[in-house]
Amino acid sequence: MSEDLSDEELQALLASAGKPDAKAGGNPLVSAPLSYDFKRPQRVNKDQLRVIESIHEQFARLFSSSLAGSMRMVIDVDLAFVDQVIYSEFILSLNTPCSAYSFTMDPPSAPAVLCFAPELLMALVDRAFGGQGRGYEGEPRPLTQIESNIVNKLVNRVFSDLESTWELATPVRISDIIMETNPEFIQIANSSDPVVLLAFEAHSNNVQSLIHLCYPLAALEPLLPELSPDYKQRGQRSAPERSLSHNRTLDNVKVPVKVQVAEGSLPLRELADLRKGDIVKLDTNKNDPAIVFLGNQPKFLGLPGLDGKRRAVKIQRVIDGSEEEFYR
């Protein structure tokens, strides 16, 4: 027959059960609680963030090349950081006015935004007008129409670089690019929505500034399954596929075309005496074809004329490689 426990023995048994065994290091099933910030949810895991960082390090290299080409000077672009924040924090960090370009990524047909620092764009404008590429030192102001036209050429190249960068992980197309100068009007997400924010640092001898790229989670979430560490191996394509991709990229490259209608030479003394209304006789006959240059290379012979109100040239034949030196 089992022996009944007294009240004192029962209380001692319950008390000892509630204490952890010092030698065993406590209850192994009980762990310390982990903190979680509901205002800054970490919806993208660390492995996926590393892949995003790797993708955009490549974008930084392409961006640097495009920027250096546009400004005709040495300028480097480096990825500064990748972080997960909420959208309102990003918007509050922007100056007014700003130079922000919202765009749509397809897939998944979701918006994102790329923001340039004003001093970088003004340095670009300064170089375009023959300056040293120094940033604007006055109060921030919106770009004029002429300045916007200059900047838009760079912006289009940068978005083409971004498409090329994503292509290795998953093909995307960028469209609906809209410039906005007021941060409050950049409506790509709700204020409390999580976003992935990337910052790039552009620096040269004359200018140093940040560029921000903001992806709402709605833009990245459908792409997250593709962002595994082996994305480079999965993105390897056959030679015909790579060739087709390169051809699509080259299709959008604009090549300067100029037409040389006539040429000649004059002694320096005659050039010094030229006045308005003087007639200069050139060495080209009126029936000689015009030379069509692609870049600085003579490629075609053609007949100049008009197409409506615009000047035009009708291609007559291709210049052979052996003839190019003659037509330079």
Protein backbone atom coordinates (compact mmCIF):
# COMPACT_ATOMS: atom_id res chain seq x y z
CA MET A 1 0.00 0.00 0.00
CA SER A 2 1.36 3.44 -0.94
CA GLU A 3 2.13 5.84 1.85
CA ASP A 4 0.17 9.14 1.89
CA LEU A 5 2.24 12.34 1.83
CA SER A 6 1.81 14.91 4.54
CA ASP A 7 1.00 18.52 3.72
CA GLU A 8 4.59 19.62 4.48
CA GLU A 9 6.07 16.95 2.18
CA LEU A 10 3.66 17.83 -0.65
CA GLN A 11 4.56 21.54 -0.46
CA ALA A 12 8.29 20.73 -0.46
CA LEU A 13 7.86 18.49 -3.52
CA LEU A 14 5.97 21.19 -5.47
CA ALA A 15 8.52 23.83 -4.50
CA SER A 16 11.45 21.73 -5.71
CA ALA A 17 9.71 21.01 -9.03
CA GLY A 18 9.43 24.73 -9.76
CA LYS A 19 13.17 25.39 -9.35
CA PRO A 20 15.63 24.81 -12.24
CA ASP A 21 18.45 22.36 -11.69
CA ALA A 22 21.61 24.47 -11.37
CA LYS A 23 23.83 21.62 -12.55
CA ALA A 24 21.73 20.93 -15.64
CA GLY A 25 21.62 24.63 -16.59
CA GLY A 26 17.85 25.06 -16.25
CA ASN A 27 15.00 23.80 -18.38
CA PRO A 28 16.35 23.30 -21.93
CA LEU A 29 12.89 23.81 -23.43
CA VAL A 30 12.61 27.35 -22.10
CA SER A 31 14.51 30.06 -24.08
CA ALA A 32 14.75 33.80 -23.68
CA PRO A 33 12.09 35.73 -25.63
CA LEU A 34 13.23 37.47 -28.85
CA SER A 35 12.41 41.12 -29.43
CA TYR A 36 10.40 42.04 -32.55
CA ASP A 37 9.82 45.56 -33.83
CA PHE A 38 6.34 45.63 -35.38
CA LYS A 39 7.05 49.07 -36.88
CA ARG A 40 10.00 47.65 -38.84
CA PRO A 41 9.09 44.09 -39.81
CA GLN A 42 11.90 42.03 -41.33
CA ARG A 43 9.97 40.43 -44.17
CA VAL A 44 13.05 39.70 -46.32
CA ASN A 45 15.42 37.18 -44.80
CA LYS A 46 19.18 37.68 -44.58
CA ASP A 47 20.01 35.36 -47.48
CA GLN A 48 17.62 37.22 -49.77
CA LEU A 49 19.04 40.56 -48.62
CA ARG A 50 22.53 39.34 -49.52
CA VAL A 51 21.31 38.43 -53.01
CA ILE A 52 19.67 41.85 -53.39
CA GLU A 53 22.93 43.42 -52.27
CA SER A 54 24.91 41.34 -54.78
CA ILE A 55 22.54 42.25 -57.62
CA HIS A 56 22.79 45.96 -56.87
CA GLU A 57 26.55 45.93 -56.51
CA GLN A 58 26.53 45.00 -60.19
CA PHE A 59 24.02 47.81 -60.80
CA ALA A 60 26.40 50.24 -59.07
CA ARG A 61 29.17 49.29 -61.53
CA LEU A 62 26.89 49.83 -64.54
CA PHE A 63 25.57 53.05 -63.02
CA SER A 64 29.14 54.30 -62.53
CA SER A 65 29.95 53.62 -66.19
CA SER A 66 26.81 55.42 -67.43
CA LEU A 67 27.39 58.38 -65.13
CA ALA A 68 31.06 58.71 -66.11
CA GLY A 69 30.09 58.57 -69.79
CA SER A 70 27.41 61.23 -69.39
CA MET A 71 29.65 63.57 -67.38
CA ARG A 72 32.85 62.76 -69.33
CA MET A 73 34.84 62.49 -66.12
CA VAL A 74 35.93 59.89 -63.59
CA ILE A 75 33.14 59.26 -61.08
CA ASP A 76 32.57 56.15 -58.98
CA VAL A 77 29.31 54.73 -57.65
CA ASP A 78 29.36 52.30 -54.71
CA LEU A 79 26.58 50.54 -52.84
CA ALA A 80 26.52 52.14 -49.38
CA PHE A 81 23.88 50.06 -47.56
CA VAL A 82 20.78 47.88 -47.85
CA ASP A 83 18.12 48.13 -45.15
CA GLN A 84 14.48 47.33 -44.36
CA VAL A 85 12.49 50.33 -43.17
CA ILE A 86 8.92 51.57 -43.37
CA TYR A 87 7.92 53.82 -46.24
CA SER A 88 7.24 56.92 -44.12
CA GLU A 89 10.83 56.87 -42.81
CA PHE A 90 12.15 56.93 -46.36
CA ILE A 91 9.87 59.78 -47.43
CA LEU A 92 10.82 61.89 -44.39
CA SER A 93 14.50 61.50 -45.27
CA LEU A 94 14.06 63.25 -48.66
CA ASN A 95 14.59 66.95 -49.25
CA THR A 96 12.00 69.25 -50.81
CA PRO A 97 12.31 69.72 -53.72
CA CYS A 98 13.73 66.33 -54.67
CA SER A 99 14.48 64.62 -57.97
CA ALA A 100 12.59 61.34 -57.66
CA TYR A 101 11.62 59.02 -60.50
CA SER A 102 8.83 56.56 -59.79
CA PHE A 103 8.59 53.58 -62.12
CA THR A 104 6.79 50.26 -62.60
CA MET A 105 8.54 46.89 -62.51
CA ASP A 106 6.91 44.19 -64.60
CA PRO A 107 6.65 41.57 -63.31
CA PRO A 108 5.08 42.07 -60.84
CA SER A 109 3.55 45.36 -62.15
CA ALA A 110 4.41 47.12 -58.89
CA PRO A 111 5.88 50.60 -58.37
CA ALA A 112 9.26 51.59 -56.98
CA VAL A 113 11.24 54.85 -56.89
CA LEU A 114 14.77 56.07 -57.63
CA CYS A 115 15.88 59.36 -56.02
CA PHE A 116 18.87 61.45 -57.07
CA ALA A 117 20.53 64.05 -54.85
CA PRO A 118 20.17 67.55 -56.38
CA GLU A 119 23.92 68.24 -56.28
CA LEU A 120 24.63 65.23 -58.52
CA LEU A 121 22.13 66.28 -61.19
CA MET A 122 23.33 69.89 -61.10
CA ALA A 123 26.91 68.63 -61.51
CA LEU A 124 25.73 66.72 -64.59
CA VAL A 125 24.08 69.87 -65.98
CA ASP A 126 27.21 71.89 -65.21
CA ARG A 127 29.34 69.43 -67.21
CA ALA A 128 26.86 69.49 -70.09
CA PHE A 129 27.34 73.26 -70.36
CA GLY A 130 31.14 73.04 -70.23
CA GLY A 131 31.72 73.41 -66.49
CA GLN A 132 33.91 71.41 -64.12
CA GLY A 133 31.05 69.22 -62.86
CA ARG A 134 30.56 70.97 -59.53
CA GLY A 135 27.35 70.55 -57.56
CA TYR A 136 24.83 73.33 -57.03
CA GLU A 137 25.76 75.27 -53.88
CA GLY A 138 22.63 77.40 -53.52
CA GLU A 139 19.20 76.54 -52.13
CA PRO A 140 17.70 73.36 -53.65
CA ARG A 141 15.37 74.12 -56.56
CA PRO A 142 13.46 72.14 -59.20
CA LEU A 143 15.16 71.50 -62.53
CA THR A 144 14.28 73.74 -65.44
CA GLN A 145 12.91 72.21 -68.64
CA ILE A 146 16.29 72.43 -70.36
CA GLU A 147 18.02 70.86 -67.36
CA SER A 148 15.39 68.10 -67.22
CA ASN A 149 16.04 67.24 -70.87
CA ILE A 150 19.75 66.80 -70.12
CA VAL A 151 19.10 64.75 -66.98
CA ASN A 152 16.50 62.51 -68.64
CA LYS A 153 19.13 61.11 -71.01
CA LEU A 154 21.10 59.84 -68.02
CA VAL A 155 17.96 58.61 -66.24
CA ASN A 156 16.96 56.47 -69.23
CA ARG A 157 20.42 54.90 -69.31
CA VAL A 158 20.30 54.20 -65.57
CA PHE A 159 16.95 52.41 -65.82
CA SER A 160 18.31 50.38 -68.72
CA ASP A 161 21.22 49.43 -66.43
CA LEU A 162 18.75 48.41 -63.72
CA GLU A 163 16.87 46.15 -66.14
CA SER A 164 20.13 44.52 -67.23
CA THR A 165 21.12 43.97 -63.60
CA TRP A 166 17.89 42.19 -62.65
CA GLU A 167 17.98 40.03 -65.77
CA LEU A 168 20.51 37.59 -64.31
CA ALA A 169 18.16 36.76 -61.40
CA THR A 170 14.80 37.25 -63.13
CA PRO A 171 13.86 39.31 -66.22
CA VAL A 172 11.95 42.52 -65.46
CA ARG A 173 10.84 45.44 -67.60
CA ILE A 174 10.69 49.02 -66.36
CA SER A 175 8.03 51.41 -67.60
CA ASP A 176 5.85 54.39 -66.58
CA ILE A 177 8.80 56.52 -65.45
CA ILE A 178 7.48 59.73 -63.86
CA MET A 179 9.52 62.51 -62.26
CA GLU A 180 8.32 64.04 -58.99
CA THR A 181 9.83 66.92 -57.01
CA ASN A 182 7.61 66.78 -53.90
CA PRO A 183 8.19 63.73 -51.67
CA GLU A 184 4.61 63.85 -50.39
CA PHE A 185 3.33 63.16 -53.91
CA ILE A 186 5.36 59.96 -54.36
CA GLN A 187 2.53 57.49 -53.74
CA ILE A 188 4.09 54.08 -54.31
CA ALA A 189 3.14 52.58 -50.90
CA ASN A 190 1.25 53.29 -47.69
CA SER A 191 3.18 55.10 -44.97
CA SER A 192 3.35 52.00 -42.74
CA ASP A 193 4.31 49.55 -45.51
CA PRO A 194 7.73 47.87 -45.27
CA VAL A 195 10.23 48.66 -48.00
CA VAL A 196 13.76 47.64 -48.93
CA LEU A 197 15.94 50.74 -49.19
CA LEU A 198 19.28 50.83 -50.99
CA ALA A 199 21.67 53.78 -50.96
CA PHE A 200 24.44 54.39 -53.49
CA GLU A 201 27.27 56.86 -53.03
CA ALA A 202 28.54 58.73 -56.08
CA HIS A 203 31.83 60.50 -55.60
CA SER A 204 34.41 62.32 -57.71
CA ASN A 205 36.87 65.15 -57.14
CA ASN A 206 34.11 67.73 -57.46
CA VAL A 207 30.93 66.13 -56.15
CA GLN A 208 29.78 63.58 -53.58
CA SER A 209 26.16 62.59 -53.13
CA LEU A 210 23.71 59.76 -52.40
CA ILE A 211 21.20 58.06 -54.68
CA HIS A 212 18.36 56.07 -53.08
CA LEU A 213 16.47 53.15 -54.59
CA CYS A 214 13.30 52.13 -52.75
CA TYR A 215 11.40 48.89 -53.39
CA PRO A 216 8.07 48.41 -51.58
CA LEU A 217 7.62 44.84 -50.44
CA ALA A 218 4.78 44.51 -52.97
CA ALA A 219 7.38 44.95 -55.74
CA LEU A 220 9.85 42.46 -54.30
CA GLU A 221 7.61 39.79 -52.76
CA PRO A 222 6.78 37.98 -56.04
CA LEU A 223 10.51 38.01 -56.89
CA LEU A 224 11.74 36.70 -53.53
CA PRO A 225 11.53 32.99 -54.50
CA GLU A 226 14.01 33.74 -57.29
CA LEU A 227 16.48 35.42 -54.94
CA SER A 228 18.38 32.37 -53.75
CA PRO A 229 22.18 32.36 -53.44
CA ASP A 230 22.51 30.30 -56.64
CA TYR A 231 20.74 32.91 -58.78
CA LYS A 232 23.86 33.45 -60.91
CA GLN A 233 24.04 29.77 -61.85
CA ARG A 234 20.32 29.63 -62.58
CA GLY A 235 20.61 32.78 -64.64
CA GLN A 236 23.22 31.32 -66.97
CA ARG A 237 21.75 31.11 -70.47
CA SER A 238 22.82 29.47 -73.68
CA ALA A 239 24.87 31.40 -76.23
CA PRO A 240 21.85 32.04 -78.56
CA GLU A 241 19.81 33.38 -75.63
CA ARG A 242 22.64 35.69 -74.56
CA SER A 243 23.05 36.86 -78.14
CA LEU A 244 19.33 37.61 -78.43
CA SER A 245 19.41 39.53 -75.14
CA HIS A 246 22.42 41.56 -76.28
CA ASN A 247 20.70 42.32 -79.57
CA ARG A 248 17.61 43.59 -77.74
CA THR A 249 19.86 45.86 -75.67
CA LEU A 250 21.70 47.14 -78.74
CA ASP A 251 18.40 47.83 -80.51
CA ASN A 252 17.80 50.72 -78.09
CA VAL A 253 21.27 52.28 -78.44
CA LYS A 254 21.15 55.61 -80.30
CA VAL A 255 23.98 56.28 -82.76
CA PRO A 256 24.69 59.86 -83.95
CA VAL A 257 24.20 60.29 -87.70
CA LYS A 258 25.56 63.19 -89.73
CA VAL A 259 25.52 63.88 -93.45
CA GLN A 260 28.38 65.68 -95.20
CA VAL A 261 26.96 67.36 -98.28
CA ALA A 262 30.09 69.13 -99.53
CA GLU A 263 33.66 69.99 -98.57
CA GLY A 264 36.53 72.14 -99.76
CA SER A 265 39.58 74.14 -98.72
CA LEU A 266 40.58 77.82 -98.84
CA PRO A 267 43.83 79.68 -98.28
CA LEU A 268 44.05 81.31 -94.87
CA ARG A 269 44.16 84.82 -96.40
CA GLU A 270 40.80 84.23 -98.11
CA LEU A 271 39.28 82.89 -94.90
CA ALA A 272 40.42 86.03 -93.08
CA ASP A 273 38.66 88.23 -95.66
CA LEU A 274 35.31 86.41 -95.67
CA ARG A 275 32.29 88.62 -95.10
CA LYS A 276 28.53 88.11 -94.93
CA GLY A 277 27.19 87.47 -98.43
CA ASP A 278 30.42 86.04 -99.85
CA ILE A 279 30.13 82.86 -101.91
CA VAL A 280 32.58 80.04 -101.21
CA LYS A 281 33.19 77.58 -104.05
CA LEU A 282 33.68 74.03 -102.73
CA ASP A 283 35.38 71.03 -104.31
CA THR A 284 32.20 68.89 -104.44
CA ASN A 285 30.16 68.75 -107.66
CA LYS A 286 26.41 69.31 -107.43
CA ASN A 287 25.69 65.72 -108.51
CA ASP A 288 28.15 64.08 -106.11
CA PRO A 289 26.50 61.97 -103.39
CA ALA A 290 26.54 63.04 -99.75
CA ILE A 291 28.54 61.00 -97.24
CA VAL A 292 26.55 59.55 -94.31
CA PHE A 293 28.56 59.10 -91.11
CA LEU A 294 27.57 56.81 -88.22
CA GLY A 295 29.46 58.29 -85.33
CA ASN A 296 32.75 59.24 -86.98
CA GLN A 297 32.73 56.38 -89.49
CA PRO A 298 31.65 56.93 -93.13
CA LYS A 299 29.15 54.15 -93.89
CA PHE A 300 26.80 55.20 -96.73
CA LEU A 301 26.51 57.42 -99.79
CA GLY A 302 23.18 59.13 -100.25
CA LEU A 303 21.12 61.79 -101.95
CA PRO A 304 20.19 64.77 -99.70
CA GLY A 305 16.72 66.28 -99.87
CA LEU A 306 13.59 67.06 -97.86
CA ASP A 307 11.02 64.84 -96.15
CA GLY A 308 8.15 67.18 -95.42
CA LYS A 309 9.70 70.12 -93.56
CA ARG A 310 12.75 68.18 -92.37
CA ARG A 311 16.03 67.56 -94.12
CA ALA A 312 16.61 63.93 -95.10
CA VAL A 313 18.96 61.70 -97.05
CA LYS A 314 18.14 58.78 -99.35
CA ILE A 315 20.70 55.97 -99.02
CA GLN A 316 22.15 54.97 -102.40
CA ARG A 317 24.80 52.47 -101.43
CA VAL A 318 26.98 51.15 -98.61
CA ILE A 319 30.62 52.25 -98.43
CA ASP A 320 32.92 49.24 -98.56
CA GLY A 321 35.48 48.79 -95.81
CA SER A 322 38.27 49.39 -98.31
CA GLU A 323 36.73 52.78 -99.24
CA GLU A 324 36.24 54.14 -95.71
CA GLU A 325 39.68 55.75 -95.52
CA PHE A 326 39.02 57.61 -98.79
CA TYR A 327 35.80 59.18 -97.47
CA ARG A 328 37.13 60.24 -94.05
